[in-house]
Amino acid sequence: MRTPIIAGNWKMNMTPKQATQLIEELKPLVSDTKTTVVVCVPAVDIPAAKQALRGSKIKLGAQNVHFAESGAYTGELSAQMLKEAGVSYVIIGHSERRQYFGETDETVNKRTRAAVAAGLTPIICVGELKEQREAGYTDALVTYQTLIALTGLTPAEVRKVVIAYEPVWAIGTGLTASDEQANETIGVIRKAIATKYGKAVANRVRIQYGGSMKPSNVKGLMAQPEIDGGLIGGASLKAEDFAKVVNFDK
């Protein structure tokens, strides 16, 4: 049985002061959940968030990581830096990183390997554009993205990663894949992992849905057998909304 995981991706929102306030509002609302709860905050919020999260079960996440251990990479953060700062999870390959910052499947793999080597849990994002879905390429694309991202990891390491299926056309648009569409594509991702690493490994990997999951649709999505959680954007910026997603089973 896979433990559900709900992660909030704050994107470029919340100052350190606002981060503290949001976390303080959130903590009592999710204190008795059995779901893994993560907040992936902007880098400048990490110290404030770490302080605010003390005494709670909520995990701290980052939104990106560089693949080098150190060096002349102005503006970047290494996996070891994040680890020492108190981060446990890190989002890798989000569609906005791919769209605006030149992220590729190959750099996603390099970042994933660096994160795993440092003891961070990567949340690896895969997903298709609207025109790719309409052309029938979704299954082939998410299979390729997933297997490239995991290249070089051992089966034991693969078990611990989190995959987030985010249909790019559903991010921040209000559009959502149907429960059945999301479940079907996540099933394809799991099958791809099983083909390379075996069923036992694939059945341990937690795969989230990341396309506009919110209080109004979380129950239907989480009722699907393949969906293990959500990577939440807009709904993670309000404590009450995020808590409703976390507490989907209540």
C-alpha atoms as a PDB file:
ATOM      1  CA  MET A   1       0.000   0.000   0.000  1.00  0.00           C
ATOM      2  CA  ARG A   2       1.484   3.332  -1.098  1.00  0.00           C
ATOM      3  CA  THR A   3       1.190   6.275   1.292  1.00  0.00           C
ATOM      4  CA  PRO A   4      -0.495   9.218  -0.479  1.00  0.00           C
ATOM      5  CA  ILE A   5       1.682  12.304  -0.981  1.00  0.00           C
ATOM      6  CA  ILE A   6       0.311  15.812  -1.431  1.00  0.00           C
ATOM      7  CA  ALA A   7       2.935  18.455  -2.260  1.00  0.00           C
ATOM      8  CA  GLY A   8       2.328  22.169  -2.594  1.00  0.00           C
ATOM      9  CA  ASN A   9       4.312  23.982  -5.289  1.00  0.00           C
ATOM     10  CA  TRP A  10       4.255  27.628  -4.263  1.00  0.00           C
ATOM     11  CA  LYS A  11       6.071  28.666  -7.459  1.00  0.00           C
ATOM     12  CA  MET A  12       7.233  32.315  -7.246  1.00  0.00           C
ATOM     13  CA  ASN A  13       4.861  33.272  -4.453  1.00  0.00           C
ATOM     14  CA  MET A  14       5.191  34.125  -0.755  1.00  0.00           C
ATOM     15  CA  THR A  15       7.857  36.190   0.987  1.00  0.00           C
ATOM     16  CA  PRO A  16       9.516  34.637   4.061  1.00  0.00           C
ATOM     17  CA  LYS A  17       7.055  36.483   6.312  1.00  0.00           C
ATOM     18  CA  GLN A  18       4.078  35.271   4.256  1.00  0.00           C
ATOM     19  CA  ALA A  19       5.526  31.737   4.208  1.00  0.00           C
ATOM     20  CA  THR A  20       5.639  31.663   7.996  1.00  0.00           C
ATOM     21  CA  GLN A  21       2.056  32.872   8.232  1.00  0.00           C
ATOM     22  CA  LEU A  22       0.760  30.323   5.717  1.00  0.00           C
ATOM     23  CA  ILE A  23       2.550  27.425   7.417  1.00  0.00           C
ATOM     24  CA  GLU A  24       1.275  28.451  10.856  1.00  0.00           C
ATOM     25  CA  GLU A  25      -2.276  28.476   9.445  1.00  0.00           C
ATOM     26  CA  LEU A  26      -1.759  25.115   7.745  1.00  0.00           C
ATOM     27  CA  LYS A  27      -0.206  23.104  10.580  1.00  0.00           C
ATOM     28  CA  PRO A  28      -3.304  22.583  12.753  1.00  0.00           C
ATOM     29  CA  LEU A  29      -5.438  21.788   9.698  1.00  0.00           C
ATOM     30  CA  VAL A  30      -3.333  18.783   8.646  1.00  0.00           C
ATOM     31  CA  SER A  31      -1.931  17.645  11.991  1.00  0.00           C
ATOM     32  CA  ASP A  32      -3.730  14.292  12.068  1.00  0.00           C
ATOM     33  CA  THR A  33      -3.365  13.241   8.432  1.00  0.00           C
ATOM     34  CA  LYS A  34      -1.659   9.991   7.440  1.00  0.00           C
ATOM     35  CA  THR A  35      -0.804  11.504   4.042  1.00  0.00           C
ATOM     36  CA  THR A  36       2.750  12.720   3.392  1.00  0.00           C
ATOM     37  CA  VAL A  37       2.505  16.528   3.172  1.00  0.00           C
ATOM     38  CA  VAL A  38       5.218  18.638   1.502  1.00  0.00           C
ATOM     39  CA  VAL A  39       5.531  22.371   0.866  1.00  0.00           C
ATOM     40  CA  CYS A  40       7.934  23.282  -1.957  1.00  0.00           C
ATOM     41  CA  VAL A  41       8.861  26.882  -1.302  1.00  0.00           C
ATOM     42  CA  PRO A  42      10.966  29.530  -3.084  1.00  0.00           C
ATOM     43  CA  ALA A  43      14.631  29.275  -2.099  1.00  0.00           C
ATOM     44  CA  VAL A  44      14.596  32.497  -0.055  1.00  0.00           C
ATOM     45  CA  ASP A  45      11.756  31.065   2.069  1.00  0.00           C
ATOM     46  CA  ILE A  46      13.614  27.895   3.077  1.00  0.00           C
ATOM     47  CA  PRO A  47      15.030  29.158   6.429  1.00  0.00           C
ATOM     48  CA  ALA A  48      11.711  30.718   7.504  1.00  0.00           C
ATOM     49  CA  ALA A  49       9.750  27.663   6.373  1.00  0.00           C
ATOM     50  CA  LYS A  50      12.107  25.297   8.182  1.00  0.00           C
ATOM     51  CA  GLN A  51      11.622  27.264  11.391  1.00  0.00           C
ATOM     52  CA  ALA A  52       7.836  27.404  10.993  1.00  0.00           C
ATOM     53  CA  LEU A  53       7.582  23.667  10.250  1.00  0.00           C
ATOM     54  CA  ARG A  54       9.312  22.617  13.484  1.00  0.00           C
ATOM     55  CA  GLY A  55       7.167  20.275  15.508  1.00  0.00           C
ATOM     56  CA  SER A  56       4.956  19.347  12.538  1.00  0.00           C
ATOM     57  CA  LYS A  57       5.014  16.360  10.186  1.00  0.00           C
ATOM     58  CA  ILE A  58       4.985  18.599   7.084  1.00  0.00           C
ATOM     59  CA  LYS A  59       8.108  18.116   4.960  1.00  0.00           C
ATOM     60  CA  LEU A  60      10.125  20.923   3.368  1.00  0.00           C
ATOM     61  CA  GLY A  61      10.709  20.933  -0.381  1.00  0.00           C
ATOM     62  CA  ALA A  62      12.535  23.065  -2.949  1.00  0.00           C
ATOM     63  CA  GLN A  63      11.517  23.840  -6.522  1.00  0.00           C
ATOM     64  CA  ASN A  64      14.759  23.154  -8.373  1.00  0.00           C
ATOM     65  CA  VAL A  65      18.298  21.873  -7.866  1.00  0.00           C
ATOM     66  CA  HIS A  66      21.502  22.046  -9.878  1.00  0.00           C
ATOM     67  CA  PHE A  67      23.279  18.877 -10.950  1.00  0.00           C
ATOM     68  CA  ALA A  68      26.821  19.960 -10.038  1.00  0.00           C
ATOM     69  CA  GLU A  69      28.185  19.652  -6.497  1.00  0.00           C
ATOM     70  CA  SER A  70      29.704  23.130  -6.691  1.00  0.00           C
ATOM     71  CA  GLY A  71      31.258  25.511  -9.188  1.00  0.00           C
ATOM     72  CA  ALA A  72      30.755  28.543 -11.398  1.00  0.00           C
ATOM     73  CA  TYR A  73      26.964  28.346 -11.709  1.00  0.00           C
ATOM     74  CA  THR A  74      25.803  31.790 -10.611  1.00  0.00           C
ATOM     75  CA  GLY A  75      22.345  31.768  -9.082  1.00  0.00           C
ATOM     76  CA  GLU A  76      22.132  27.986  -8.688  1.00  0.00           C
ATOM     77  CA  LEU A  77      21.836  25.747  -5.612  1.00  0.00           C
ATOM     78  CA  SER A  78      23.395  22.302  -5.197  1.00  0.00           C
ATOM     79  CA  ALA A  79      21.662  19.287  -3.718  1.00  0.00           C
ATOM     80  CA  GLN A  80      24.000  19.306  -0.715  1.00  0.00           C
ATOM     81  CA  MET A  81      23.187  22.970  -0.026  1.00  0.00           C
ATOM     82  CA  LEU A  82      19.475  22.156  -0.008  1.00  0.00           C
ATOM     83  CA  LYS A  83      20.005  19.087   2.163  1.00  0.00           C
ATOM     84  CA  GLU A  84      21.977  21.030   4.763  1.00  0.00           C
ATOM     85  CA  ALA A  85      19.336  23.788   4.724  1.00  0.00           C
ATOM     86  CA  GLY A  86      16.738  21.244   5.865  1.00  0.00           C
ATOM     87  CA  VAL A  87      15.109  20.345   2.540  1.00  0.00           C
ATOM     88  CA  SER A  88      13.818  16.767   2.050  1.00  0.00           C
ATOM     89  CA  TYR A  89      12.068  16.928  -1.344  1.00  0.00           C
ATOM     90  CA  VAL A  90      12.817  18.765  -4.576  1.00  0.00           C
ATOM     91  CA  ILE A  91      10.731  19.305  -7.701  1.00  0.00           C
ATOM     92  CA  ILE A  92      12.636  18.503 -10.890  1.00  0.00           C
ATOM     93  CA  GLY A  93      11.619  19.148 -14.493  1.00  0.00           C
ATOM     94  CA  HIS A  94       8.444  21.153 -13.888  1.00  0.00           C
ATOM     95  CA  SER A  95       6.909  22.229 -17.194  1.00  0.00           C
ATOM     96  CA  GLU A  96       7.593  25.880 -16.344  1.00  0.00           C
ATOM     97  CA  ARG A  97      11.286  25.051 -15.973  1.00  0.00           C
ATOM     98  CA  ARG A  98      11.153  23.281 -19.327  1.00  0.00           C
ATOM     99  CA  GLN A  99       9.251  26.141 -20.983  1.00  0.00           C
ATOM    100  CA  TYR A 100      11.116  29.164 -19.623  1.00  0.00           C
ATOM    101  CA  PHE A 101      14.525  27.970 -18.449  1.00  0.00           C
ATOM    102  CA  GLY A 102      15.766  25.460 -21.005  1.00  0.00           C
ATOM    103  CA  GLU A 103      15.185  22.301 -18.946  1.00  0.00           C
ATOM    104  CA  THR A 104      15.507  19.123 -21.027  1.00  0.00           C
ATOM    105  CA  ASP A 105      14.948  15.424 -20.345  1.00  0.00           C
ATOM    106  CA  GLU A 106      18.726  15.037 -20.076  1.00  0.00           C
ATOM    107  CA  THR A 107      19.144  17.812 -17.483  1.00  0.00           C
ATOM    108  CA  VAL A 108      16.188  16.379 -15.558  1.00  0.00           C
ATOM    109  CA  ASN A 109      18.115  13.110 -15.339  1.00  0.00           C
ATOM    110  CA  LYS A 110      21.297  14.852 -14.164  1.00  0.00           C
ATOM    111  CA  ARG A 111      19.380  16.785 -11.499  1.00  0.00           C
ATOM    112  CA  THR A 112      17.572  13.623 -10.396  1.00  0.00           C
ATOM    113  CA  ARG A 113      20.812  11.708  -9.926  1.00  0.00           C
ATOM    114  CA  ALA A 114      22.350  14.610  -7.979  1.00  0.00           C
ATOM    115  CA  ALA A 115      19.288  14.879  -5.729  1.00  0.00           C
ATOM    116  CA  VAL A 116      19.211  11.135  -4.997  1.00  0.00           C
ATOM    117  CA  ALA A 117      22.966  11.062  -4.301  1.00  0.00           C
ATOM    118  CA  ALA A 118      22.514  13.814  -1.697  1.00  0.00           C
ATOM    119  CA  GLY A 119      19.624  12.024   0.013  1.00  0.00           C
ATOM    120  CA  LEU A 120      16.850  14.245  -1.351  1.00  0.00           C
ATOM    121  CA  THR A 121      13.606  12.789  -2.700  1.00  0.00           C
ATOM    122  CA  PRO A 122      12.992  14.084  -6.225  1.00  0.00           C
ATOM    123  CA  ILE A 123       9.490  14.873  -7.466  1.00  0.00           C
ATOM    124  CA  ILE A 124      10.043  14.341 -11.180  1.00  0.00           C
ATOM    125  CA  CYS A 125       7.553  16.045 -13.484  1.00  0.00           C
ATOM    126  CA  VAL A 126       6.471  14.534 -16.797  1.00  0.00           C
ATOM    127  CA  GLY A 127       3.588  15.407 -19.094  1.00  0.00           C
ATOM    128  CA  GLU A 128       2.366  16.340 -22.538  1.00  0.00           C
ATOM    129  CA  LEU A 129       1.293  19.480 -24.380  1.00  0.00           C
ATOM    130  CA  LYS A 130      -2.295  19.743 -25.644  1.00  0.00           C
ATOM    131  CA  GLU A 131      -1.278  19.182 -29.271  1.00  0.00           C
ATOM    132  CA  GLN A 132       0.756  16.106 -28.279  1.00  0.00           C
ATOM    133  CA  ARG A 133      -2.275  14.573 -26.556  1.00  0.00           C
ATOM    134  CA  GLU A 134      -4.481  15.357 -29.553  1.00  0.00           C
ATOM    135  CA  ALA A 135      -1.921  13.719 -31.864  1.00  0.00           C
ATOM    136  CA  GLY A 136      -1.933  10.557 -29.744  1.00  0.00           C
ATOM    137  CA  TYR A 137       1.631  10.876 -28.422  1.00  0.00           C
ATOM    138  CA  THR A 138       0.875  11.033 -24.691  1.00  0.00           C
ATOM    139  CA  ASP A 139       1.776   7.439 -23.775  1.00  0.00           C
ATOM    140  CA  ALA A 140       5.014   7.385 -25.779  1.00  0.00           C
ATOM    141  CA  LEU A 141       6.056  10.790 -24.447  1.00  0.00           C
ATOM    142  CA  VAL A 142       5.505  10.138 -20.737  1.00  0.00           C
ATOM    143  CA  THR A 143       7.171   6.723 -21.064  1.00  0.00           C
ATOM    144  CA  TYR A 144      10.241   8.317 -22.653  1.00  0.00           C
ATOM    145  CA  GLN A 145      10.387  11.210 -20.167  1.00  0.00           C
ATOM    146  CA  THR A 146      10.076   8.844 -17.206  1.00  0.00           C
ATOM    147  CA  LEU A 147      12.714   6.356 -18.323  1.00  0.00           C
ATOM    148  CA  ILE A 148      15.205   9.088 -19.300  1.00  0.00           C
ATOM    149  CA  ALA A 149      14.716  10.787 -15.915  1.00  0.00           C
ATOM    150  CA  LEU A 150      15.435   7.541 -14.042  1.00  0.00           C
ATOM    151  CA  THR A 151      18.461   6.492 -16.110  1.00  0.00           C
ATOM    152  CA  GLY A 152      21.425   5.582 -13.919  1.00  0.00           C
ATOM    153  CA  LEU A 153      19.406   4.942 -10.757  1.00  0.00           C
ATOM    154  CA  THR A 154      19.342   1.551  -9.069  1.00  0.00           C
ATOM    155  CA  PRO A 155      16.008  -0.210  -8.481  1.00  0.00           C
ATOM    156  CA  ALA A 156      16.337   0.613  -4.765  1.00  0.00           C
ATOM    157  CA  GLU A 157      16.750   4.307  -5.631  1.00  0.00           C
ATOM    158  CA  VAL A 158      13.850   4.272  -8.101  1.00  0.00           C
ATOM    159  CA  ARG A 159      11.501   2.961  -5.395  1.00  0.00           C
ATOM    160  CA  LYS A 160      12.006   6.176  -3.425  1.00  0.00           C
ATOM    161  CA  VAL A 161      11.393   8.752  -6.158  1.00  0.00           C
ATOM    162  CA  VAL A 162       8.086  10.493  -6.695  1.00  0.00           C
ATOM    163  CA  ILE A 163       6.746  11.094 -10.212  1.00  0.00           C
ATOM    164  CA  ALA A 164       4.274  13.887 -10.933  1.00  0.00           C
ATOM    165  CA  TYR A 165       2.189  13.513 -14.079  1.00  0.00           C
ATOM    166  CA  GLU A 166       1.284  17.048 -15.114  1.00  0.00           C
ATOM    167  CA  PRO A 167      -0.531  17.448 -18.418  1.00  0.00           C
ATOM    168  CA  VAL A 168       0.935  20.806 -19.442  1.00  0.00           C
ATOM    169  CA  TRP A 169      -2.387  21.959 -20.904  1.00  0.00           C
ATOM    170  CA  ALA A 170      -4.017  21.611 -17.462  1.00  0.00           C
ATOM    171  CA  ILE A 171      -1.515  23.648 -15.424  1.00  0.00           C
ATOM    172  CA  GLY A 172      -2.914  26.938 -14.210  1.00  0.00           C
ATOM    173  CA  THR A 173      -5.594  26.892 -16.916  1.00  0.00           C
ATOM    174  CA  GLY A 174      -8.460  25.568 -14.838  1.00  0.00           C
ATOM    175  CA  LEU A 175      -8.662  22.621 -17.255  1.00  0.00           C
ATOM    176  CA  THR A 176      -8.204  19.182 -15.719  1.00  0.00           C
ATOM    177  CA  ALA A 177      -7.710  15.759 -17.194  1.00  0.00           C
ATOM    178  CA  SER A 178     -10.709  13.591 -16.373  1.00  0.00           C
ATOM    179  CA  ASP A 179     -10.228  11.204 -13.464  1.00  0.00           C
ATOM    180  CA  GLU A 180     -10.052   8.333 -15.944  1.00  0.00           C
ATOM    181  CA  GLN A 181      -7.576  10.115 -18.266  1.00  0.00           C
ATOM    182  CA  ALA A 182      -5.267  10.910 -15.362  1.00  0.00           C
ATOM    183  CA  ASN A 183      -5.480   7.365 -14.003  1.00  0.00           C
ATOM    184  CA  GLU A 184      -4.839   5.836 -17.426  1.00  0.00           C
ATOM    185  CA  THR A 185      -1.728   7.931 -18.101  1.00  0.00           C
ATOM    186  CA  ILE A 186      -0.334   7.349 -14.613  1.00  0.00           C
ATOM    187  CA  GLY A 187      -0.883   3.643 -15.278  1.00  0.00           C
ATOM    188  CA  VAL A 188       1.246   4.015 -18.430  1.00  0.00           C
ATOM    189  CA  ILE A 189       4.024   5.627 -16.361  1.00  0.00           C
ATOM    190  CA  ARG A 190       3.883   2.800 -13.809  1.00  0.00           C
ATOM    191  CA  LYS A 191       3.979   0.209 -16.589  1.00  0.00           C
ATOM    192  CA  ALA A 192       7.077   1.875 -18.073  1.00  0.00           C
ATOM    193  CA  ILE A 193       8.826   1.664 -14.697  1.00  0.00           C
ATOM    194  CA  ALA A 194       7.738  -1.981 -14.328  1.00  0.00           C
ATOM    195  CA  THR A 195       9.107  -2.889 -17.754  1.00  0.00           C
ATOM    196  CA  LYS A 196      12.586  -1.627 -16.843  1.00  0.00           C
ATOM    197  CA  TYR A 197      12.782  -2.111 -13.071  1.00  0.00           C
ATOM    198  CA  GLY A 198      10.189  -4.812 -12.353  1.00  0.00           C
ATOM    199  CA  LYS A 199       6.661  -4.767 -10.955  1.00  0.00           C
ATOM    200  CA  ALA A 200       7.753  -4.803  -7.321  1.00  0.00           C
ATOM    201  CA  VAL A 201       9.634  -1.529  -7.807  1.00  0.00           C
ATOM    202  CA  ALA A 202       6.893   0.077  -9.911  1.00  0.00           C
ATOM    203  CA  ASN A 203       4.284  -0.760  -7.310  1.00  0.00           C
ATOM    204  CA  ARG A 204       6.282   1.141  -4.683  1.00  0.00           C
ATOM    205  CA  VAL A 205       6.756   4.350  -6.702  1.00  0.00           C
ATOM    206  CA  ARG A 206       4.312   7.091  -5.756  1.00  0.00           C
ATOM    207  CA  ILE A 207       2.874   8.891  -8.778  1.00  0.00           C
ATOM    208  CA  GLN A 208       1.017  12.164  -8.350  1.00  0.00           C
ATOM    209  CA  TYR A 209      -1.386  14.029 -10.573  1.00  0.00           C
ATOM    210  CA  GLY A 210      -0.306  17.623 -11.136  1.00  0.00           C
ATOM    211  CA  GLY A 211      -2.817  19.386 -13.354  1.00  0.00           C
ATOM    212  CA  SER A 212      -5.045  21.753 -11.361  1.00  0.00           C
ATOM    213  CA  MET A 213      -5.939  19.383  -8.509  1.00  0.00           C
ATOM    214  CA  LYS A 214      -8.069  21.309  -6.028  1.00  0.00           C
ATOM    215  CA  PRO A 215     -10.738  20.794  -3.333  1.00  0.00           C
ATOM    216  CA  SER A 216     -13.527  20.431  -5.909  1.00  0.00           C
ATOM    217  CA  ASN A 217     -11.931  17.528  -7.821  1.00  0.00           C
ATOM    218  CA  VAL A 218      -9.535  15.869  -5.375  1.00  0.00           C
ATOM    219  CA  LYS A 219     -11.913  13.135  -4.185  1.00  0.00           C
ATOM    220  CA  GLY A 220     -12.590  11.831  -7.698  1.00  0.00           C
ATOM    221  CA  LEU A 221      -8.923  11.873  -8.668  1.00  0.00           C
ATOM    222  CA  MET A 222      -7.726  10.242  -5.441  1.00  0.00           C
ATOM    223  CA  ALA A 223     -10.349   7.491  -5.781  1.00  0.00           C
ATOM    224  CA  GLN A 224      -8.474   6.241  -8.863  1.00  0.00           C
ATOM    225  CA  PRO A 225      -6.254   3.215  -8.160  1.00  0.00           C
ATOM    226  CA  GLU A 226      -3.090   4.514  -9.863  1.00  0.00           C
ATOM    227  CA  ILE A 227      -3.105   8.063  -8.434  1.00  0.00           C
ATOM    228  CA  ASP A 228      -1.074   8.415  -5.237  1.00  0.00           C
ATOM    229  CA  GLY A 229      -1.370  12.126  -4.599  1.00  0.00           C
ATOM    230  CA  GLY A 230      -1.070  15.554  -6.126  1.00  0.00           C
ATOM    231  CA  LEU A 231       1.413  18.298  -6.942  1.00  0.00           C
ATOM    232  CA  ILE A 232      -0.690  21.328  -6.089  1.00  0.00           C
ATOM    233  CA  GLY A 233      -0.149  24.831  -7.483  1.00  0.00           C
ATOM    234  CA  GLY A 234      -2.744  27.535  -6.867  1.00  0.00           C
ATOM    235  CA  ALA A 235      -4.666  25.645  -4.191  1.00  0.00           C
ATOM    236  CA  SER A 236      -1.507  25.338  -2.057  1.00  0.00           C
ATOM    237  CA  LEU A 237      -1.338  29.100  -1.495  1.00  0.00           C
ATOM    238  CA  LYS A 238      -4.371  29.128   0.815  1.00  0.00           C
ATOM    239  CA  ALA A 239      -4.122  27.021   3.956  1.00  0.00           C
ATOM    240  CA  GLU A 240      -7.805  26.088   3.951  1.00  0.00           C
ATOM    241  CA  ASP A 241      -7.798  24.969   0.305  1.00  0.00           C
ATOM    242  CA  PHE A 242      -4.569  23.010   0.632  1.00  0.00           C
ATOM    243  CA  ALA A 243      -5.819  21.327   3.808  1.00  0.00           C
ATOM    244  CA  LYS A 244      -8.992  20.242   1.996  1.00  0.00           C
ATOM    245  CA  VAL A 245      -6.829  18.564  -0.647  1.00  0.00           C
ATOM    246  CA  VAL A 246      -4.622  16.910   1.992  1.00  0.00           C
ATOM    247  CA  ASN A 247      -7.710  15.716   3.887  1.00  0.00           C
ATOM    248  CA  PHE A 248      -9.349  14.274   0.759  1.00  0.00           C
ATOM    249  CA  ASP A 249     -10.253  11.102   2.647  1.00  0.00           C
ATOM    250  CA  LYS A 250     -12.287  12.850   5.349  1.00  0.00           C
END
